[in-house]
């Protein structure tokens, strides 16, 4: 890479559980795959697997199952290119999500944000990600995308979100790498290189993703 612009690495969230709401008598199934999120240079591509549709609930199964199906239908619309229809479907999920299980609304807000971010509508994306985090405060995927969306206008706040992710997921290589690029780009070269070294230590494959203008000692690669 010959440019000095930060390059943000792809992130696969398929192994992450959806945010979980505190809800008596409501228990989601464990070990289910969630969202495949790819972030490269601030562009987001969403590919949502069937997540909430197959959750197991002990109360109001029809209501919850229908909301889950609506969420999945929105994902199908997004994948087919019907972003307007997808957003309308996700907005319906937000409006119908029960108060005892707001995870549906959090995920729907995230997916709307991903569509806006992919289209370059960063302010709308920021608004949607913030809404998702308000509903699910430990939603690290939303924090990650929000940090990227904030980078052009508010890199300081973006860095704070990366730090918040690290407080939840210490040693996350993707977050360390992005924070390193952001820190380096802000003028703090030493601090940026330190974060990049930490990312490479966790996952040596990141050594090949460092932009050409940033020199990392060969011993860390």
C-alpha atoms as a PDB file:
ATOM      1  CA  UNK A   1       0.000   0.000   0.000  1.00  0.00           C
ATOM      2  CA  UNK A   2       1.482   3.311  -1.051  1.00  0.00           C
ATOM      3  CA  UNK A   3      -0.988   5.777   0.387  1.00  0.00           C
ATOM      4  CA  UNK A   4      -0.791   7.268   3.860  1.00  0.00           C
ATOM      5  CA  UNK A   5      -4.537   6.822   4.384  1.00  0.00           C
ATOM      6  CA  UNK A   6      -5.458   4.296   7.077  1.00  0.00           C
ATOM      7  CA  UNK A   7      -6.579   0.913   5.799  1.00  0.00           C
ATOM      8  CA  UNK A   8      -9.063  -0.792   8.070  1.00  0.00           C
ATOM      9  CA  UNK A   9      -8.975  -4.559   8.071  1.00  0.00           C
ATOM     10  CA  UNK A  10     -11.905  -6.893   7.455  1.00  0.00           C
ATOM     11  CA  UNK A  11     -13.617  -8.076  10.606  1.00  0.00           C
ATOM     12  CA  UNK A  12     -15.619 -11.269  10.806  1.00  0.00           C
ATOM     13  CA  UNK A  13     -18.217 -11.209  13.560  1.00  0.00           C
ATOM     14  CA  UNK A  14     -19.740 -14.583  12.693  1.00  0.00           C
ATOM     15  CA  UNK A  15     -18.478 -15.985  15.971  1.00  0.00           C
ATOM     16  CA  UNK A  16     -19.996 -13.254  18.099  1.00  0.00           C
ATOM     17  CA  UNK A  17     -23.276 -13.594  19.927  1.00  0.00           C
ATOM     18  CA  UNK A  18     -25.876 -10.930  19.445  1.00  0.00           C
ATOM     19  CA  UNK A  19     -26.246  -8.433  22.286  1.00  0.00           C
ATOM     20  CA  UNK A  20     -28.310  -9.997  25.044  1.00  0.00           C
ATOM     21  CA  UNK A  21     -31.103  -8.165  26.814  1.00  0.00           C
ATOM     22  CA  UNK A  22     -31.936  -8.716  30.455  1.00  0.00           C
ATOM     23  CA  UNK A  23     -35.318 -10.346  30.229  1.00  0.00           C
ATOM     24  CA  UNK A  24     -36.883 -12.678  32.798  1.00  0.00           C
ATOM     25  CA  UNK A  25     -38.328 -15.809  31.159  1.00  0.00           C
ATOM     26  CA  UNK A  26     -36.543 -15.022  27.902  1.00  0.00           C
ATOM     27  CA  UNK A  27     -33.424 -16.984  27.096  1.00  0.00           C
ATOM     28  CA  UNK A  28     -31.721 -16.993  23.694  1.00  0.00           C
ATOM     29  CA  UNK A  29     -30.085 -20.132  22.402  1.00  0.00           C
ATOM     30  CA  UNK A  30     -26.312 -20.280  22.801  1.00  0.00           C
ATOM     31  CA  UNK A  31     -23.516 -20.698  20.289  1.00  0.00           C
ATOM     32  CA  UNK A  32     -25.391 -19.326  17.299  1.00  0.00           C
ATOM     33  CA  UNK A  33     -23.633 -17.464  14.527  1.00  0.00           C
ATOM     34  CA  UNK A  34     -24.505 -13.826  13.962  1.00  0.00           C
ATOM     35  CA  UNK A  35     -23.466 -11.115  11.571  1.00  0.00           C
ATOM     36  CA  UNK A  36     -20.765 -11.210   8.945  1.00  0.00           C
ATOM     37  CA  UNK A  37     -19.421  -7.692   8.891  1.00  0.00           C
ATOM     38  CA  UNK A  38     -16.667  -6.593   6.550  1.00  0.00           C
ATOM     39  CA  UNK A  39     -15.021  -3.207   6.981  1.00  0.00           C
ATOM     40  CA  UNK A  40     -12.435  -2.047   4.474  1.00  0.00           C
ATOM     41  CA  UNK A  41     -11.585   1.642   4.251  1.00  0.00           C
ATOM     42  CA  UNK A  42     -14.777   2.600   6.020  1.00  0.00           C
ATOM     43  CA  UNK A  43     -17.084   0.624   3.702  1.00  0.00           C
ATOM     44  CA  UNK A  44     -19.400  -1.889   5.317  1.00  0.00           C
ATOM     45  CA  UNK A  45     -20.990  -4.926   3.708  1.00  0.00           C
ATOM     46  CA  UNK A  46     -23.609  -6.725   5.738  1.00  0.00           C
ATOM     47  CA  UNK A  47     -24.526 -10.359   5.398  1.00  0.00           C
ATOM     48  CA  UNK A  48     -26.843 -11.295   8.244  1.00  0.00           C
ATOM     49  CA  UNK A  49     -27.357 -14.969   8.888  1.00  0.00           C
ATOM     50  CA  UNK A  50     -30.563 -16.276  10.424  1.00  0.00           C
ATOM     51  CA  UNK A  51     -30.004 -15.294  14.026  1.00  0.00           C
ATOM     52  CA  UNK A  52     -33.029 -14.292  15.997  1.00  0.00           C
ATOM     53  CA  UNK A  53     -35.467 -16.420  13.982  1.00  0.00           C
ATOM     54  CA  UNK A  54     -34.135 -19.566  15.654  1.00  0.00           C
ATOM     55  CA  UNK A  55     -33.774 -18.241  19.180  1.00  0.00           C
ATOM     56  CA  UNK A  56     -35.563 -20.240  21.845  1.00  0.00           C
ATOM     57  CA  UNK A  57     -38.023 -18.417  24.069  1.00  0.00           C
ATOM     58  CA  UNK A  58     -40.162 -19.563  26.960  1.00  0.00           C
ATOM     59  CA  UNK A  59     -42.770 -16.794  26.629  1.00  0.00           C
ATOM     60  CA  UNK A  60     -44.681 -15.331  23.671  1.00  0.00           C
ATOM     61  CA  UNK A  61     -42.907 -17.559  21.103  1.00  0.00           C
ATOM     62  CA  UNK A  62     -45.121 -16.446  18.221  1.00  0.00           C
ATOM     63  CA  UNK A  63     -44.479 -12.769  18.812  1.00  0.00           C
ATOM     64  CA  UNK A  64     -40.745 -13.196  19.204  1.00  0.00           C
ATOM     65  CA  UNK A  65     -40.518 -15.626  16.290  1.00  0.00           C
ATOM     66  CA  UNK A  66     -42.316 -13.184  14.015  1.00  0.00           C
ATOM     67  CA  UNK A  67     -40.020 -10.324  14.965  1.00  0.00           C
ATOM     68  CA  UNK A  68     -37.043 -12.558  14.343  1.00  0.00           C
ATOM     69  CA  UNK A  69     -38.429 -13.489  10.942  1.00  0.00           C
ATOM     70  CA  UNK A  70     -38.928  -9.802  10.129  1.00  0.00           C
ATOM     71  CA  UNK A  71     -35.301  -9.120  11.057  1.00  0.00           C
ATOM     72  CA  UNK A  72     -34.111 -11.934   8.841  1.00  0.00           C
ATOM     73  CA  UNK A  73     -36.315 -10.726   5.980  1.00  0.00           C
ATOM     74  CA  UNK A  74     -34.672  -7.313   6.232  1.00  0.00           C
ATOM     75  CA  UNK A  75     -31.273  -8.997   5.904  1.00  0.00           C
ATOM     76  CA  UNK A  76     -32.441 -10.840   2.771  1.00  0.00           C
ATOM     77  CA  UNK A  77     -33.674  -7.581   1.257  1.00  0.00           C
ATOM     78  CA  UNK A  78     -30.350  -5.898   2.030  1.00  0.00           C
ATOM     79  CA  UNK A  79     -28.400  -8.725   0.439  1.00  0.00           C
ATOM     80  CA  UNK A  80     -30.552  -8.543  -2.681  1.00  0.00           C
ATOM     81  CA  UNK A  81     -29.824  -4.812  -3.058  1.00  0.00           C
ATOM     82  CA  UNK A  82     -33.222  -3.523  -1.934  1.00  0.00           C
ATOM     83  CA  UNK A  83     -31.784  -1.214   0.710  1.00  0.00           C
ATOM     84  CA  UNK A  84     -34.920   0.931   0.938  1.00  0.00           C
ATOM     85  CA  UNK A  85     -37.029  -2.133   1.607  1.00  0.00           C
ATOM     86  CA  UNK A  86     -34.476  -3.448   4.074  1.00  0.00           C
ATOM     87  CA  UNK A  87     -34.422  -0.201   6.029  1.00  0.00           C
ATOM     88  CA  UNK A  88     -38.230  -0.157   6.150  1.00  0.00           C
ATOM     89  CA  UNK A  89     -38.208  -3.729   7.421  1.00  0.00           C
ATOM     90  CA  UNK A  90     -35.600  -2.972  10.076  1.00  0.00           C
ATOM     91  CA  UNK A  91     -37.566   0.090  11.170  1.00  0.00           C
ATOM     92  CA  UNK A  92     -40.594  -2.141  11.610  1.00  0.00           C
ATOM     93  CA  UNK A  93     -38.509  -4.421  13.829  1.00  0.00           C
ATOM     94  CA  UNK A  94     -37.460  -1.425  15.917  1.00  0.00           C
ATOM     95  CA  UNK A  95     -41.074  -0.326  16.378  1.00  0.00           C
ATOM     96  CA  UNK A  96     -42.341  -3.796  17.288  1.00  0.00           C
ATOM     97  CA  UNK A  97     -39.521  -5.020  19.539  1.00  0.00           C
ATOM     98  CA  UNK A  98     -40.814  -5.756  23.042  1.00  0.00           C
ATOM     99  CA  UNK A  99     -39.358  -3.769  25.893  1.00  0.00           C
ATOM    100  CA  UNK A 100     -38.185  -6.944  27.619  1.00  0.00           C
ATOM    101  CA  UNK A 101     -36.009  -7.927  24.684  1.00  0.00           C
ATOM    102  CA  UNK A 102     -34.649  -4.838  22.983  1.00  0.00           C
ATOM    103  CA  UNK A 103     -31.868  -6.840  21.346  1.00  0.00           C
ATOM    104  CA  UNK A 104     -34.026  -6.971  18.216  1.00  0.00           C
ATOM    105  CA  UNK A 105     -34.107  -3.195  17.980  1.00  0.00           C
ATOM    106  CA  UNK A 106     -30.365  -2.988  18.673  1.00  0.00           C
ATOM    107  CA  UNK A 107     -29.582  -5.369  15.819  1.00  0.00           C
ATOM    108  CA  UNK A 108     -32.005  -3.596  13.480  1.00  0.00           C
ATOM    109  CA  UNK A 109     -30.394  -0.239  14.255  1.00  0.00           C
ATOM    110  CA  UNK A 110     -26.986  -1.777  13.585  1.00  0.00           C
ATOM    111  CA  UNK A 111     -28.094  -3.147  10.219  1.00  0.00           C
ATOM    112  CA  UNK A 112     -29.584   0.215   9.205  1.00  0.00           C
ATOM    113  CA  UNK A 113     -26.298   1.836  10.173  1.00  0.00           C
ATOM    114  CA  UNK A 114     -24.351  -0.662   8.078  1.00  0.00           C
ATOM    115  CA  UNK A 115     -26.479   0.163   5.028  1.00  0.00           C
ATOM    116  CA  UNK A 116     -25.986   3.898   5.521  1.00  0.00           C
ATOM    117  CA  UNK A 117     -22.249   3.450   6.044  1.00  0.00           C
ATOM    118  CA  UNK A 118     -21.911   1.360   2.892  1.00  0.00           C
ATOM    119  CA  UNK A 119     -23.685   4.152   1.005  1.00  0.00           C
ATOM    120  CA  UNK A 120     -21.378   6.811   2.461  1.00  0.00           C
ATOM    121  CA  UNK A 121     -24.113   8.381   4.595  1.00  0.00           C
ATOM    122  CA  UNK A 122     -21.913   8.595   7.662  1.00  0.00           C
ATOM    123  CA  UNK A 123     -24.072  10.868   9.801  1.00  0.00           C
ATOM    124  CA  UNK A 124     -27.086   8.598   9.412  1.00  0.00           C
ATOM    125  CA  UNK A 125     -24.848   5.614  10.126  1.00  0.00           C
ATOM    126  CA  UNK A 126     -23.539   7.280  13.284  1.00  0.00           C
ATOM    127  CA  UNK A 127     -27.082   7.956  14.500  1.00  0.00           C
ATOM    128  CA  UNK A 128     -28.098   4.327  13.968  1.00  0.00           C
ATOM    129  CA  UNK A 129     -25.008   2.882  15.649  1.00  0.00           C
ATOM    130  CA  UNK A 130     -25.467   5.175  18.633  1.00  0.00           C
ATOM    131  CA  UNK A 131     -29.061   3.962  18.945  1.00  0.00           C
ATOM    132  CA  UNK A 132     -27.874   0.352  18.832  1.00  0.00           C
ATOM    133  CA  UNK A 133     -25.304   0.963  21.565  1.00  0.00           C
ATOM    134  CA  UNK A 134     -27.840   2.762  23.732  1.00  0.00           C
ATOM    135  CA  UNK A 135     -29.995  -0.375  23.636  1.00  0.00           C
ATOM    136  CA  UNK A 136     -27.056  -2.794  23.961  1.00  0.00           C
ATOM    137  CA  UNK A 137     -24.144  -1.020  25.704  1.00  0.00           C
ATOM    138  CA  UNK A 138     -21.674  -3.879  25.070  1.00  0.00           C
ATOM    139  CA  UNK A 139     -22.415  -4.195  21.353  1.00  0.00           C
ATOM    140  CA  UNK A 140     -18.801  -4.151  20.165  1.00  0.00           C
ATOM    141  CA  UNK A 141     -19.612  -4.559  16.463  1.00  0.00           C
ATOM    142  CA  UNK A 142     -21.639  -1.343  16.603  1.00  0.00           C
ATOM    143  CA  UNK A 143     -18.815   0.417  18.458  1.00  0.00           C
ATOM    144  CA  UNK A 144     -16.330  -0.737  15.831  1.00  0.00           C
ATOM    145  CA  UNK A 145     -18.371   0.533  12.886  1.00  0.00           C
ATOM    146  CA  UNK A 146     -19.196   3.706  14.768  1.00  0.00           C
ATOM    147  CA  UNK A 147     -15.506   4.374  15.333  1.00  0.00           C
ATOM    148  CA  UNK A 148     -14.832   4.046  11.604  1.00  0.00           C
ATOM    149  CA  UNK A 149     -17.773   6.310  10.744  1.00  0.00           C
ATOM    150  CA  UNK A 150     -16.552   8.918  13.244  1.00  0.00           C
ATOM    151  CA  UNK A 151     -12.921   8.886  12.092  1.00  0.00           C
ATOM    152  CA  UNK A 152     -13.218  11.617   9.399  1.00  0.00           C
ATOM    153  CA  UNK A 153     -15.108  14.068  11.624  1.00  0.00           C
ATOM    154  CA  UNK A 154     -14.184  13.176  15.202  1.00  0.00           C
ATOM    155  CA  UNK A 155     -11.094  10.936  15.439  1.00  0.00           C
ATOM    156  CA  UNK A 156     -10.787  11.596  19.165  1.00  0.00           C
ATOM    157  CA  UNK A 157     -14.216  10.116  19.843  1.00  0.00           C
ATOM    158  CA  UNK A 158     -13.462   7.279  17.420  1.00  0.00           C
ATOM    159  CA  UNK A 159     -10.382   6.416  19.480  1.00  0.00           C
ATOM    160  CA  UNK A 160     -12.511   6.406  22.634  1.00  0.00           C
ATOM    161  CA  UNK A 161     -14.827   3.829  21.121  1.00  0.00           C
ATOM    162  CA  UNK A 162     -11.877   1.649  20.174  1.00  0.00           C
ATOM    163  CA  UNK A 163     -10.681   1.889  23.766  1.00  0.00           C
ATOM    164  CA  UNK A 164     -14.146   0.942  24.972  1.00  0.00           C
ATOM    165  CA  UNK A 165     -14.059  -2.158  22.775  1.00  0.00           C
ATOM    166  CA  UNK A 166     -10.692  -3.104  24.270  1.00  0.00           C
ATOM    167  CA  UNK A 167     -12.147  -2.758  27.764  1.00  0.00           C
ATOM    168  CA  UNK A 168     -14.719  -5.402  26.787  1.00  0.00           C
ATOM    169  CA  UNK A 169     -12.491  -7.517  24.529  1.00  0.00           C
ATOM    170  CA  UNK A 170      -8.894  -6.999  25.713  1.00  0.00           C
ATOM    171  CA  UNK A 171      -6.319  -7.816  23.100  1.00  0.00           C
ATOM    172  CA  UNK A 172      -8.689  -7.732  20.131  1.00  0.00           C
ATOM    173  CA  UNK A 173      -6.277  -7.580  17.190  1.00  0.00           C
ATOM    174  CA  UNK A 174      -8.593  -5.805  14.766  1.00  0.00           C
ATOM    175  CA  UNK A 175      -9.338  -3.045  17.248  1.00  0.00           C
ATOM    176  CA  UNK A 176      -5.678  -2.669  18.211  1.00  0.00           C
ATOM    177  CA  UNK A 177      -4.735  -2.423  14.546  1.00  0.00           C
ATOM    178  CA  UNK A 178      -7.352   0.206  13.711  1.00  0.00           C
ATOM    179  CA  UNK A 179      -6.508   2.185  16.836  1.00  0.00           C
ATOM    180  CA  UNK A 180      -2.860   2.035  15.822  1.00  0.00           C
ATOM    181  CA  UNK A 181      -3.621   3.437  12.378  1.00  0.00           C
ATOM    182  CA  UNK A 182      -5.805   6.157  13.863  1.00  0.00           C
ATOM    183  CA  UNK A 183      -3.241   7.080  16.499  1.00  0.00           C
ATOM    184  CA  UNK A 184      -0.423   7.180  13.960  1.00  0.00           C
ATOM    185  CA  UNK A 185      -2.499   9.290  11.581  1.00  0.00           C
ATOM    186  CA  UNK A 186      -3.206  11.761  14.399  1.00  0.00           C
ATOM    187  CA  UNK A 187       0.523  12.491  14.661  1.00  0.00           C
ATOM    188  CA  UNK A 188       1.360  10.234  17.596  1.00  0.00           C
ATOM    189  CA  UNK A 189       3.654   7.929  15.644  1.00  0.00           C
ATOM    190  CA  UNK A 190       5.139   6.201  18.663  1.00  0.00           C
ATOM    191  CA  UNK A 191       1.759   5.450  20.176  1.00  0.00           C
ATOM    192  CA  UNK A 192       0.392   4.269  16.849  1.00  0.00           C
ATOM    193  CA  UNK A 193       3.302   1.898  16.298  1.00  0.00           C
ATOM    194  CA  UNK A 194       2.860   0.527  19.826  1.00  0.00           C
ATOM    195  CA  UNK A 195      -0.769  -0.400  19.085  1.00  0.00           C
ATOM    196  CA  UNK A 196       0.218  -1.906  15.747  1.00  0.00           C
ATOM    197  CA  UNK A 197       2.915  -3.982  17.445  1.00  0.00           C
ATOM    198  CA  UNK A 198       0.326  -5.204  19.937  1.00  0.00           C
ATOM    199  CA  UNK A 199      -2.014  -6.210  17.099  1.00  0.00           C
ATOM    200  CA  UNK A 200       0.799  -8.054  15.298  1.00  0.00           C
ATOM    201  CA  UNK A 201       1.753  -9.846  18.507  1.00  0.00           C
ATOM    202  CA  UNK A 202      -1.796 -11.163  18.820  1.00  0.00           C
ATOM    203  CA  UNK A 203      -2.091 -11.993  15.115  1.00  0.00           C
ATOM    204  CA  UNK A 204       1.139 -11.954  13.059  1.00  0.00           C
ATOM    205  CA  UNK A 205      -0.826 -11.738   9.803  1.00  0.00           C
ATOM    206  CA  UNK A 206      -1.431  -8.065  10.540  1.00  0.00           C
ATOM    207  CA  UNK A 207       2.220  -7.355   9.767  1.00  0.00           C
ATOM    208  CA  UNK A 208       1.458  -7.588   6.049  1.00  0.00           C
ATOM    209  CA  UNK A 209      -1.450  -5.139   6.404  1.00  0.00           C
ATOM    210  CA  UNK A 210       0.554  -2.222   7.784  1.00  0.00           C
ATOM    211  CA  UNK A 211       0.591   0.663   5.251  1.00  0.00           C
ATOM    212  CA  UNK A 212       3.940   1.164   3.521  1.00  0.00           C
ATOM    213  CA  UNK A 213       4.446   4.591   5.088  1.00  0.00           C
ATOM    214  CA  UNK A 214       4.485   3.105   8.616  1.00  0.00           C
ATOM    215  CA  UNK A 215       7.700   1.330   9.486  1.00  0.00           C
ATOM    216  CA  UNK A 216       7.390  -1.457  12.025  1.00  0.00           C
ATOM    217  CA  UNK A 217      10.639  -3.071  13.274  1.00  0.00           C
ATOM    218  CA  UNK A 218      11.228  -6.307  11.408  1.00  0.00           C
ATOM    219  CA  UNK A 219      11.450  -8.242  14.683  1.00  0.00           C
ATOM    220  CA  UNK A 220       7.693  -7.763  15.261  1.00  0.00           C
ATOM    221  CA  UNK A 221       6.655  -8.999  11.851  1.00  0.00           C
END
